[in-house]
Protein backbone atom coordinates (compact mmCIF):
# COMPACT_ATOMS: atom_id res chain seq x y z
CA UNK A 1 -0.35 -4.82 -18.25
CA UNK A 2 2.40 -7.60 -17.84
CA UNK A 3 4.81 -8.09 -20.10
CA UNK A 4 5.68 -4.92 -20.72
CA UNK A 5 9.23 -4.23 -19.50
CA UNK A 6 11.07 -3.81 -22.94
CA UNK A 7 8.83 -0.88 -24.18
CA UNK A 8 8.95 1.28 -20.62
CA UNK A 9 12.54 1.77 -20.68
CA UNK A 10 11.98 3.55 -24.42
CA UNK A 11 8.36 5.01 -22.60
CA UNK A 12 9.55 6.33 -19.82
CA UNK A 13 12.52 8.31 -21.46
CA UNK A 14 9.99 9.82 -23.87
CA UNK A 15 7.99 11.16 -21.10
CA UNK A 16 10.65 12.47 -19.08
CA UNK A 17 11.41 14.07 -22.84
CA UNK A 18 8.02 15.98 -23.11
CA UNK A 19 8.15 17.61 -19.68
CA UNK A 20 11.30 19.90 -21.23
CA UNK A 21 12.58 22.56 -22.75
CA UNK A 22 13.71 21.77 -26.28
CA UNK A 23 16.93 22.98 -26.13
CA UNK A 24 18.32 22.28 -29.68
CA UNK A 25 16.47 22.65 -33.13
CA UNK A 26 17.96 19.29 -33.97
CA UNK A 27 16.03 15.96 -33.98
CA UNK A 28 17.83 13.14 -32.40
CA UNK A 29 18.51 10.69 -34.27
CA UNK A 30 18.52 7.71 -31.45
CA UNK A 31 15.51 8.89 -29.48
CA UNK A 32 11.66 9.85 -30.04
CA UNK A 33 11.20 13.30 -29.15
CA UNK A 34 8.00 15.38 -27.62
CA UNK A 35 7.64 16.48 -30.66
CA UNK A 36 6.83 13.48 -32.34
CA UNK A 37 5.32 11.83 -29.59
CA UNK A 38 1.63 12.53 -28.16
CA UNK A 39 0.15 11.77 -32.31
CA UNK A 40 -1.51 9.05 -32.08
CA UNK A 41 -3.96 7.22 -29.20
CA UNK A 42 -1.03 4.29 -29.23
CA UNK A 43 1.37 6.94 -27.57
CA UNK A 44 -1.23 7.59 -25.21
CA UNK A 45 -1.41 4.02 -24.21
CA UNK A 46 2.11 3.34 -24.32
CA UNK A 47 2.60 6.37 -21.87
CA UNK A 48 0.07 4.79 -19.45
CA UNK A 49 1.52 1.95 -19.50
CA UNK A 50 4.71 3.59 -18.61
CA UNK A 51 3.23 5.40 -15.89
CA UNK A 52 1.49 2.16 -14.31
CA UNK A 53 5.49 0.79 -14.70
CA UNK A 54 6.51 3.04 -11.60
CA UNK A 55 4.21 0.95 -9.92
CA UNK A 56 6.63 -1.56 -10.24
CA UNK A 57 9.21 -0.23 -8.13
CA UNK A 58 9.28 1.90 -4.79
CA UNK A 59 7.58 1.18 -1.08
CA UNK A 60 4.20 0.59 -2.19
CA UNK A 61 5.24 -2.78 -4.26
CA UNK A 62 6.51 -5.97 -3.27
CA UNK A 63 8.79 -4.13 -0.48
CA UNK A 64 4.96 -3.51 0.94
CA UNK A 65 5.33 -5.91 4.20
CA UNK A 66 8.54 -3.47 5.20
CA UNK A 67 6.70 -0.76 5.71
CA UNK A 68 5.58 -2.99 9.33
CA UNK A 69 9.07 -3.17 10.66
CA UNK A 70 8.41 0.64 11.56
CA UNK A 71 5.49 -1.30 14.20
CA UNK A 72 5.06 -3.56 16.53
CA UNK A 73 4.15 -6.50 14.69
CA UNK A 74 8.47 -7.05 12.88
CA UNK A 75 12.02 -6.17 12.86
CA UNK A 76 14.45 -5.24 10.03
CA UNK A 77 17.49 -6.55 10.37
CA UNK A 78 18.86 -5.16 6.98
CA UNK A 79 17.67 -1.45 7.61
CA UNK A 80 15.99 -1.23 4.37
CA UNK A 81 14.92 2.61 3.91
CA UNK A 82 16.36 3.39 7.17
CA UNK A 83 13.85 1.29 9.21
CA UNK A 84 15.84 0.73 12.33
CA UNK A 85 16.69 4.68 12.12
CA UNK A 86 13.00 5.36 12.37
CA UNK A 87 12.14 3.01 15.06
CA UNK A 88 14.61 4.44 16.94
CA UNK A 89 13.65 7.75 16.83
CA UNK A 90 16.28 8.88 14.58
CA UNK A 91 13.95 11.27 12.06
CA UNK A 92 15.40 13.88 10.53
CA UNK A 93 15.77 15.86 7.55
CA UNK A 94 18.72 13.90 6.69
CA UNK A 95 17.97 10.37 7.56
CA UNK A 96 17.61 9.02 4.20
CA UNK A 97 15.39 5.79 3.46
CA UNK A 98 11.69 6.23 3.61
CA UNK A 99 11.98 9.97 4.85
CA UNK A 100 13.55 10.72 1.56
CA UNK A 101 12.33 8.23 -0.65
CA UNK A 102 8.80 8.51 -0.36
CA UNK A 103 8.76 12.33 -1.47
CA UNK A 104 11.15 11.74 -4.52
CA UNK A 105 9.01 8.97 -5.47
CA UNK A 106 6.04 10.12 -5.28
CA UNK A 107 7.13 13.66 -7.18
CA UNK A 108 8.70 11.58 -10.28
CA UNK A 109 5.11 9.57 -10.46
CA UNK A 110 3.10 12.50 -9.76
CA UNK A 111 5.13 15.01 -12.56
CA UNK A 112 4.75 12.22 -15.60
CA UNK A 113 0.91 12.27 -14.22
CA UNK A 114 0.82 15.84 -14.51
CA UNK A 115 2.62 15.71 -18.10
CA UNK A 116 -0.61 12.97 -19.34
CA UNK A 117 -3.15 14.59 -18.29
CA UNK A 118 -1.68 18.29 -19.98
CA UNK A 119 -1.38 15.88 -23.18
CA UNK A 120 -4.42 14.24 -22.95
CA UNK A 121 -6.36 17.78 -22.49
CA UNK A 122 -4.84 18.88 -25.94
CA UNK A 123 -5.04 15.63 -27.69
CA UNK A 124 -7.40 16.24 -30.89
CA UNK A 125 -6.81 12.93 -32.72
CA UNK A 126 -10.23 11.11 -34.33
CA UNK A 127 -8.46 7.91 -32.53
CA UNK A 128 -9.38 8.44 -29.50
CA UNK A 129 -13.29 8.80 -28.31
CA UNK A 130 -13.91 10.47 -25.73
CA UNK A 131 -15.44 8.11 -23.59
CA UNK A 132 -11.61 6.34 -23.92
CA UNK A 133 -10.00 10.08 -23.09
CA UNK A 134 -12.49 9.75 -19.82
CA UNK A 135 -11.57 6.65 -18.78
CA UNK A 136 -7.74 7.25 -19.23
CA UNK A 137 -8.04 10.18 -17.67
CA UNK A 138 -9.77 8.42 -14.24
CA UNK A 139 -7.17 6.18 -14.43
CA UNK A 140 -4.20 8.99 -13.99
CA UNK A 141 -5.73 11.04 -11.70
CA UNK A 142 -6.39 7.99 -9.43
CA UNK A 143 -2.28 7.49 -9.62
CA UNK A 144 -1.81 11.12 -9.00
CA UNK A 145 -4.47 10.71 -5.70
CA UNK A 146 -2.69 7.96 -4.45
CA UNK A 147 0.55 9.29 -4.00
CA UNK A 148 -0.78 13.13 -3.16
CA UNK A 149 -2.42 10.37 0.25
CA UNK A 150 1.28 9.57 0.80
CA UNK A 151 2.58 12.20 0.92
CA UNK A 152 -0.40 13.66 2.99
CA UNK A 153 -0.04 10.84 5.79
CA UNK A 154 4.19 11.47 5.31
CA UNK A 155 4.81 15.08 5.51
CA UNK A 156 1.41 16.69 6.09
CA UNK A 157 2.46 20.12 4.13
CA UNK A 158 3.86 19.69 0.83
CA UNK A 159 3.85 21.37 -2.94
CA UNK A 160 1.00 21.33 -4.48
CA UNK A 161 1.65 20.45 -8.21
CA UNK A 162 -0.87 19.88 -11.02
CA UNK A 163 0.43 20.75 -14.44
CA UNK A 164 3.52 20.07 -15.60
CA UNK A 165 6.91 22.07 -13.74
CA UNK A 166 9.23 24.30 -16.12
CA UNK A 167 12.68 26.10 -15.24
CA UNK A 168 10.21 29.33 -14.42
CA UNK A 169 8.00 27.27 -11.97
CA UNK A 170 10.45 24.35 -10.79
CA UNK A 171 10.41 25.78 -7.14
CA UNK A 172 7.37 25.13 -5.76
CA UNK A 173 6.72 26.58 -2.14
CA UNK A 174 4.58 23.74 0.06
CA UNK A 175 0.68 24.22 0.61
CA UNK A 176 -0.81 23.10 3.82
CA UNK A 177 -2.36 19.86 4.32
CA UNK A 178 -5.25 20.40 3.99
CA UNK A 179 -5.35 21.31 0.82
CA UNK A 180 -3.48 18.27 -0.43
CA UNK A 181 -5.85 16.41 1.19
CA UNK A 182 -8.48 18.40 -1.17
CA UNK A 183 -6.53 17.44 -4.16
CA UNK A 184 -6.62 13.94 -3.25
CA UNK A 185 -10.74 13.27 -2.87
CA UNK A 186 -11.17 15.60 -6.09
CA UNK A 187 -8.88 13.47 -8.00
CA UNK A 188 -10.89 10.58 -6.94
CA UNK A 189 -14.33 11.96 -7.50
CA UNK A 190 -13.38 12.41 -10.71
CA UNK A 191 -11.43 8.91 -11.31
CA UNK A 192 -14.87 7.95 -9.71
CA UNK A 193 -17.08 9.80 -12.42
CA UNK A 194 -14.82 8.43 -15.14
CA UNK A 195 -13.58 4.66 -14.46
CA UNK A 196 -15.70 1.71 -15.33
CA UNK A 197 -17.75 -0.30 -13.46
CA UNK A 198 -16.51 -3.75 -14.04
CA UNK A 199 -18.24 -7.04 -11.73
CA UNK A 200 -15.00 -7.27 -9.82
CA UNK A 201 -11.49 -6.48 -10.98
CA UNK A 202 -10.56 -9.44 -12.98
CA UNK A 203 -6.88 -8.85 -12.90
CA UNK A 204 -6.40 -6.59 -15.60
CA UNK A 205 -3.80 -4.33 -13.95
CA UNK A 206 -5.70 -1.38 -14.72
CA UNK A 207 -7.60 0.52 -11.74
CA UNK A 208 -11.21 0.33 -11.82
CA UNK A 209 -14.33 2.58 -10.24
CA UNK A 210 -14.12 0.28 -7.13
CA UNK A 211 -10.68 0.83 -7.18
CA UNK A 212 -10.95 4.46 -6.79
CA UNK A 213 -13.71 4.15 -4.24
CA UNK A 214 -11.60 1.44 -2.06
CA UNK A 215 -8.45 4.21 -2.06
CA UNK A 216 -11.46 6.82 -0.86
CA UNK A 217 -12.40 4.88 1.81
CA UNK A 218 -9.21 4.90 2.79
CA UNK A 219 -8.42 8.31 2.75
CA UNK A 220 -11.43 9.30 4.02
CA UNK A 221 -10.68 6.83 7.63
CA UNK A 222 -7.29 8.42 7.81
CA UNK A 223 -8.80 12.05 7.70
CA UNK A 224 -11.79 10.62 9.92
CA UNK A 225 -9.53 10.81 12.83
CA UNK A 226 -8.48 14.13 12.51
CA UNK A 227 -5.14 15.52 14.79
CA UNK A 228 -6.31 13.67 18.00
CA UNK A 229 -8.16 10.19 17.36
CA UNK A 230 -11.55 11.44 17.79
CA UNK A 231 -13.84 10.01 14.88
CA UNK A 232 -15.63 12.69 12.27
CA UNK A 233 -19.13 10.62 12.09
CA UNK A 234 -20.10 12.80 8.67
CA UNK A 235 -16.48 11.45 7.45
CA UNK A 236 -16.95 8.02 8.38
CA UNK A 237 -20.55 7.95 6.98
CA UNK A 238 -19.02 8.40 3.56
CA UNK A 239 -16.43 5.39 4.02
CA UNK A 240 -19.55 3.36 5.06
CA UNK A 241 -21.56 4.25 1.93
CA UNK A 242 -18.49 3.81 -0.25
CA UNK A 243 -18.00 0.26 1.25
CA UNK A 244 -21.68 -0.83 0.74
CA UNK A 245 -21.03 0.08 -2.73
CA UNK A 246 -18.20 -1.92 -3.58
CA UNK A 247 -18.85 -4.97 -1.32
CA UNK A 248 -21.57 -6.82 -3.72
CA UNK A 249 -18.84 -6.78 -6.64
CA UNK A 250 -16.52 -8.60 -4.67
CA UNK A 251 -16.32 -12.00 -2.98
CA UNK A 252 -13.73 -13.22 -0.38
CA UNK A 253 -11.11 -15.87 -1.69
CA UNK A 254 -12.17 -19.03 0.41
CA UNK A 255 -8.97 -19.85 0.28
CA UNK A 256 -7.10 -17.02 2.56
CA UNK A 257 -3.58 -17.77 0.95
CA UNK A 258 -4.85 -17.77 -2.99
CA UNK A 259 -4.64 -13.67 -2.95
CA UNK A 260 -1.24 -13.15 -2.40
CA UNK A 261 -0.05 -16.75 -4.29
CA UNK A 262 0.29 -16.72 -8.05
CA UNK A 263 -1.45 -19.76 -8.51
CA UNK A 264 -4.81 -18.13 -7.24
CA UNK A 265 -4.68 -14.89 -7.54
CA UNK A 266 -6.15 -14.91 -11.42
CA UNK A 267 -9.70 -13.92 -11.43
CA UNK A 268 -9.80 -13.82 -7.69
CA UNK A 269 -12.48 -12.13 -6.34
CA UNK A 270 -11.14 -10.41 -3.32
CA UNK A 271 -8.65 -8.92 -5.22
CA UNK A 272 -9.78 -5.00 -5.62
CA UNK A 273 -6.38 -3.73 -7.59
CA UNK A 274 -2.79 -5.30 -7.99
CA UNK A 275 0.25 -4.50 -9.21
CA UNK A 276 0.97 -7.48 -11.83
CA UNK A 277 3.85 -9.19 -12.84
CA UNK A 278 4.83 -12.16 -15.37
CA UNK A 279 7.54 -14.30 -16.05
CA UNK A 280 10.02 -14.47 -17.59
CA UNK A 281 10.20 -10.68 -18.65
CA UNK A 282 8.37 -8.80 -15.96
CA UNK A 283 9.14 -9.56 -12.32
CA UNK A 284 10.95 -7.91 -9.79
CA UNK A 285 14.52 -7.67 -9.53
CA UNK A 286 14.47 -9.10 -6.18
CA UNK A 287 10.89 -10.55 -5.71
CA UNK A 288 9.06 -11.40 -2.27
CA UNK A 289 10.39 -15.43 -2.13
CA UNK A 290 13.85 -14.02 -2.03
CA UNK A 291 13.48 -10.95 -0.05
CA UNK A 292 11.10 -12.52 3.07
CA UNK A 293 11.76 -16.56 2.47
CA UNK A 294 15.75 -16.45 1.87
CA UNK A 295 16.92 -12.40 3.14
CA UNK A 296 14.58 -12.36 6.01
CA UNK A 297 13.91 -8.92 5.45
CA UNK A 298 11.24 -8.91 7.28
CA UNK A 299 11.21 -11.04 10.96
CA UNK A 300 7.78 -10.85 13.16
CA UNK A 301 8.24 -10.46 16.25
CA UNK A 302 7.40 -12.59 19.06
CA UNK A 303 4.69 -10.03 20.59
CA UNK A 304 3.10 -10.02 17.57
CA UNK A 305 2.80 -14.08 16.99
CA UNK A 306 1.11 -14.17 20.20
CA UNK A 307 -1.23 -11.80 19.35
CA UNK A 308 -2.79 -14.57 16.71
CA UNK A 309 -5.60 -16.21 18.81
CA UNK A 310 -6.41 -19.57 19.87
CA UNK A 311 -9.07 -21.39 17.08
CA UNK A 312 -11.97 -20.81 19.87
CA UNK A 313 -11.41 -17.37 19.75
CA UNK A 314 -10.23 -16.64 22.83
CA UNK A 315 -6.42 -15.43 23.52
CA UNK A 316 -3.09 -17.43 23.23
CA UNK A 317 -2.63 -18.26 27.14
CA UNK A 318 -6.37 -17.71 27.83
CA UNK A 319 -7.69 -20.25 26.13
CA UNK A 320 -7.52 -24.11 27.41
CA UNK A 321 -7.07 -24.62 24.05
CA UNK A 322 -3.24 -22.86 24.45
CA UNK A 323 -0.40 -25.62 23.98
CA UNK A 324 3.05 -24.24 25.01
CA UNK A 325 4.81 -27.16 23.47
CA UNK A 326 3.78 -26.46 20.29
CA UNK A 327 2.18 -22.89 20.05
CA UNK A 328 1.13 -22.86 16.41
CA UNK A 329 -0.92 -25.92 16.89
CA UNK A 330 -4.87 -24.97 17.65
CA UNK A 331 -4.46 -21.73 16.69
CA UNK A 332 -6.03 -18.95 14.25
CA UNK A 333 -4.74 -20.90 10.64
CA UNK A 334 -3.71 -17.08 9.57
CA UNK A 335 -0.97 -17.90 12.34
CA UNK A 336 0.47 -20.67 10.05
CA UNK A 337 -0.37 -18.72 6.89
CA UNK A 338 1.59 -15.56 7.80
CA UNK A 339 4.53 -16.31 9.44
CA UNK A 340 7.27 -19.63 9.45
CA UNK A 341 9.52 -20.70 12.21
CA UNK A 342 12.76 -20.55 11.03
CA UNK A 343 12.34 -21.70 7.67
CA UNK A 344 9.52 -22.21 5.12
CA UNK A 345 8.22 -25.68 5.45
CA UNK A 346 5.23 -26.61 2.54
CA UNK A 347 4.87 -30.51 3.48
CA UNK A 348 6.01 -33.24 1.60
CA UNK A 349 9.76 -32.50 1.85
CA UNK A 350 9.68 -28.70 0.45
CA UNK A 351 11.32 -26.66 2.61
CA UNK A 352 13.81 -23.95 1.95
CA UNK A 353 16.43 -22.62 4.34
CA UNK A 354 17.37 -19.45 4.72
CA UNK A 355 20.97 -17.95 4.12
CA UNK A 356 20.36 -15.00 6.52
CA UNK A 357 19.83 -15.41 10.20
CA UNK A 358 16.93 -15.49 11.52
CA UNK A 359 17.06 -12.92 14.40
CA UNK A 360 13.27 -13.45 16.23
CA UNK A 361 13.07 -16.56 15.31
CA UNK A 362 10.37 -16.07 12.54
CA UNK A 363 9.79 -14.99 9.34
CA UNK A 364 7.25 -13.78 6.50
CA UNK A 365 5.44 -16.69 4.71
CA UNK A 366 2.11 -14.53 3.98
CA UNK A 367 3.66 -13.75 0.05
CA UNK A 368 5.95 -16.58 -0.47
CA UNK A 369 4.87 -19.39 -3.35
CA UNK A 370 5.33 -23.01 -2.21
CA UNK A 371 6.33 -23.71 -6.16
CA UNK A 372 9.23 -21.20 -6.29
CA UNK A 373 11.29 -23.12 -3.84
CA UNK A 374 14.34 -23.03 -3.76
CA UNK A 375 14.36 -19.10 -2.97
CA UNK A 376 17.51 -17.30 -4.75
CA UNK A 377 18.43 -15.12 -6.96
CA UNK A 378 17.39 -16.89 -10.34
CA UNK A 379 13.74 -17.44 -8.78
CA UNK A 380 11.47 -15.72 -11.24
CA UNK A 381 8.68 -14.62 -8.28
CA UNK A 382 5.38 -13.37 -10.37
CA UNK A 383 3.17 -13.35 -8.02
CA UNK A 384 1.29 -9.97 -8.16
CA UNK A 385 0.97 -7.09 -5.05
CA UNK A 386 -2.55 -6.43 -3.78
CA UNK A 387 -2.71 -3.21 -3.38
CA UNK A 388 -7.03 -3.41 -2.20
CA UNK A 389 -8.72 -6.09 -1.84
CA UNK A 390 -12.50 -6.76 -0.41
CA UNK A 391 -10.99 -7.35 3.41
CA UNK A 392 -9.96 -4.10 3.44
CA UNK A 393 -13.01 -3.33 2.56
CA UNK A 394 -15.07 -5.23 4.94
CA UNK A 395 -13.24 -3.63 7.89
CA UNK A 396 -12.84 -0.40 7.17
CA UNK A 397 -16.91 -0.47 6.76
CA UNK A 398 -17.16 -2.48 10.27
CA UNK A 399 -15.08 -0.06 11.96
CA UNK A 400 -17.41 3.01 10.92
CA UNK A 401 -20.23 1.87 11.42
CA UNK A 402 -19.06 0.47 14.96
CA UNK A 403 -18.09 4.54 15.63
CA UNK A 404 -21.07 5.96 14.11
CA UNK A 405 -23.91 3.35 15.56
CA UNK A 406 -22.09 0.71 18.10
CA UNK A 407 -21.84 -2.81 17.31
CA UNK A 408 -24.97 -3.47 15.49
CA UNK A 409 -25.79 -6.44 13.73
CA UNK A 410 -24.08 -5.56 10.20
CA UNK A 411 -20.47 -5.05 12.06
CA UNK A 412 -21.61 -8.05 13.50
CA UNK A 413 -21.92 -10.07 10.06
CA UNK A 414 -19.15 -8.28 8.85
CA UNK A 415 -16.89 -9.84 11.32
CA UNK A 416 -18.56 -12.97 11.31
CA UNK A 417 -18.12 -13.58 7.09
CA UNK A 418 -14.51 -12.37 7.30
CA UNK A 419 -13.43 -14.62 10.19
CA UNK A 420 -15.30 -17.57 8.89
CA UNK A 421 -13.37 -18.15 5.77
CA UNK A 422 -10.52 -18.78 7.72
CA UNK A 423 -12.89 -20.76 10.23
CA UNK A 424 -12.52 -19.15 13.10
CA UNK A 425 -15.67 -18.56 15.21
CA UNK A 426 -17.75 -15.28 15.31
CA UNK A 427 -17.22 -12.29 17.86
CA UNK A 428 -19.00 -13.20 21.53
CA UNK A 429 -22.47 -11.08 21.63
CA UNK A 430 -23.19 -8.12 23.82
CA UNK A 431 -19.98 -6.30 22.87
CA UNK A 432 -20.20 -2.70 24.02
CA UNK A 433 -18.65 -0.07 21.28
CA UNK A 434 -15.15 -0.15 22.80
CA UNK A 435 -14.65 -3.50 23.04
CA UNK A 436 -16.19 -4.21 19.10
CA UNK A 437 -13.25 -1.06 18.34
CA UNK A 438 -10.82 -3.12 20.01
CA UNK A 439 -11.66 -6.32 18.31
CA UNK A 440 -11.98 -4.82 14.79
CA UNK A 441 -8.32 -2.95 15.55
CA UNK A 442 -7.11 -6.08 16.54
CA UNK A 443 -8.84 -8.06 13.57
CA UNK A 444 -7.06 -5.13 11.52
CA UNK A 445 -3.79 -6.35 12.62
CA UNK A 446 -4.48 -10.15 12.31
CA UNK A 447 -5.90 -10.16 8.37
CA UNK A 448 -3.81 -7.46 7.33
CA UNK A 449 -0.62 -7.86 8.52
CA UNK A 450 2.30 -6.80 6.51
CA UNK A 451 -0.13 -4.92 3.42
CA UNK A 452 1.87 -1.97 4.25
CA UNK A 453 -1.22 -0.48 6.73
CA UNK A 454 -0.18 -1.00 10.14
CA UNK A 455 2.13 2.27 10.63
CA UNK A 456 -0.88 4.16 8.93
CA UNK A 457 -3.30 2.83 11.36
CA UNK A 458 -1.41 3.42 14.34
CA UNK A 459 -0.70 7.40 13.09
CA UNK A 460 -4.62 7.55 12.42
CA UNK A 461 -5.67 6.15 14.97
CA UNK A 462 -3.23 8.31 17.14
CA UNK A 463 -2.01 5.76 19.39
CA UNK A 464 1.49 5.10 17.47
CA UNK A 465 3.38 6.47 21.18
CA UNK A 466 0.94 4.31 23.17
CA UNK A 467 1.40 1.33 20.91
CA UNK A 468 5.24 1.67 20.16
CA UNK A 469 7.03 2.79 22.89
CA UNK A 470 5.61 -0.32 24.79
CA UNK A 471 7.04 -2.66 22.45
CA UNK A 472 9.08 -4.57 24.80
CA UNK A 473 10.22 -7.32 22.39
CA UNK A 474 12.36 -5.14 19.47
CA UNK A 475 15.30 -6.07 19.16
CA UNK A 476 15.88 -2.04 19.34
CA UNK A 477 14.53 -0.03 21.57
CA UNK A 478 11.29 2.09 20.02
CA UNK A 479 10.94 5.73 20.50
CA UNK A 480 8.19 7.69 18.93
CA UNK A 481 8.01 11.04 19.31
CA UNK A 482 4.44 12.89 18.42
CA UNK A 483 6.02 14.97 16.49
CA UNK A 484 6.75 11.89 14.14
CA UNK A 485 3.41 11.78 12.43
CA UNK A 486 4.78 14.41 10.35
CA UNK A 487 8.28 13.17 8.90
CA UNK A 488 10.38 16.09 8.09
CA UNK A 489 11.29 17.24 4.76
CA UNK A 490 14.13 15.39 3.06
CA UNK A 491 16.98 18.46 3.13
CA UNK A 492 18.10 17.60 0.06
CA UNK A 493 14.74 19.20 -1.39
CA UNK A 494 15.07 22.22 0.65
CA UNK A 495 18.83 22.74 -0.75
CA UNK A 496 17.29 22.43 -4.37
CA UNK A 497 14.53 24.53 -3.81
CA UNK A 498 16.73 27.69 -2.80
CA UNK A 499 14.59 28.76 -0.19
CA UNK A 500 11.13 27.85 -1.72
CA UNK A 501 10.67 25.08 0.24
CA UNK A 502 10.34 25.55 4.25
CA UNK A 503 10.53 23.03 6.39
CA UNK A 504 8.45 21.73 8.61
CA UNK A 505 7.56 23.68 11.74
CA UNK A 506 8.82 20.83 14.61
CA UNK A 507 11.58 19.74 12.75
């Protein structure tokens, strides 16, 4: 899946063309027509590569950390994707940023999947076996489920489009959110049935059965808290079973940062799915090293830094190991692997001084590569973007099982194993279900920081207002209203629909 940029430009154009009506009989001499494409297995492989290629742009790639700028974890000084407006409660149909980009990007991706599925179903060539067709279908259904899940979480009721659009049906009304969720699960069930079982992800760039299972677990655990935060034991039971199937196929990386730095990712048995890069031909236009190490797009808040325990497992300020003169001493090792003070310092003189200001005094270290300093426009950041990993699966298992049966031995064991990877002690014995719930939620915040999950965790637990309206150290005033659990549909999409698409009621 790496080194594919040159063909993507061509193939993306091909797929767009294949979904349009032919207005002229003449064959363009400078483009491949839809009438001459979709004729061989190679065409389908190219199209699949192009669909995966969409993952290299957008809010769920190297920009994933920016989602935490909507939370109590960090501040976004550059207002990327209108993060300042969203935090301040200025969320309307014309806010732009995430409010419009999530919608347009997801449907762009879904449209290409729909075209692919239609052409695959109609393909009669003998160079592609039924088994290969099933795997290809599983891969693109996973991707459609992934983007419909984002739409479901962001807006609730949206159009459900599973066929290529034409001039006659391009204006689509929205359906209720339960139908969107059902489509997500349906696509994932087909993907799970069709995709290959491999010992682990193997850095292939292709989703596998366990990738689809991980997304299904993520979707189920989001749905499990319903509209009021009360957990559904039946849904959590499904989460538990999926996590139990996934876990034996993977292993925690012995070195935490190897999951995120290029030198430790190839063959890393913790990674369940990642978006892959390879320098010099296939790298982000603005990679993680530049935007986080130099531009300081994400600025961790002091309260987030203070949330890291001391190395004895006690809270900062409570533990006798608290060192106010050197606050990073005697702390959970993940703090120093996630956050830098003022500038990245990798030791031995390998230092980078950012060109942008540090509004909170801190920057994001977690996704930076020490070998890429100095960080600038010419930096070729080829570290893969990890979308699913074993640590999240372990946390989902512990959360689900604790809600179902309380803090039994398996819950303690999952958390002990996760914390032992960085040398942190186990949780104390004798915790109640409520106490363990808070411990697990805290562990998610620390372990999965800046991986694009915190905002959605606060929403699914239905504690977004309680948490965000009480942020005291933000660089702007946080304002959460419960109607923000679902965003407004972008006004430009409503306008284009000529009244077919109706705005969400709260807006």
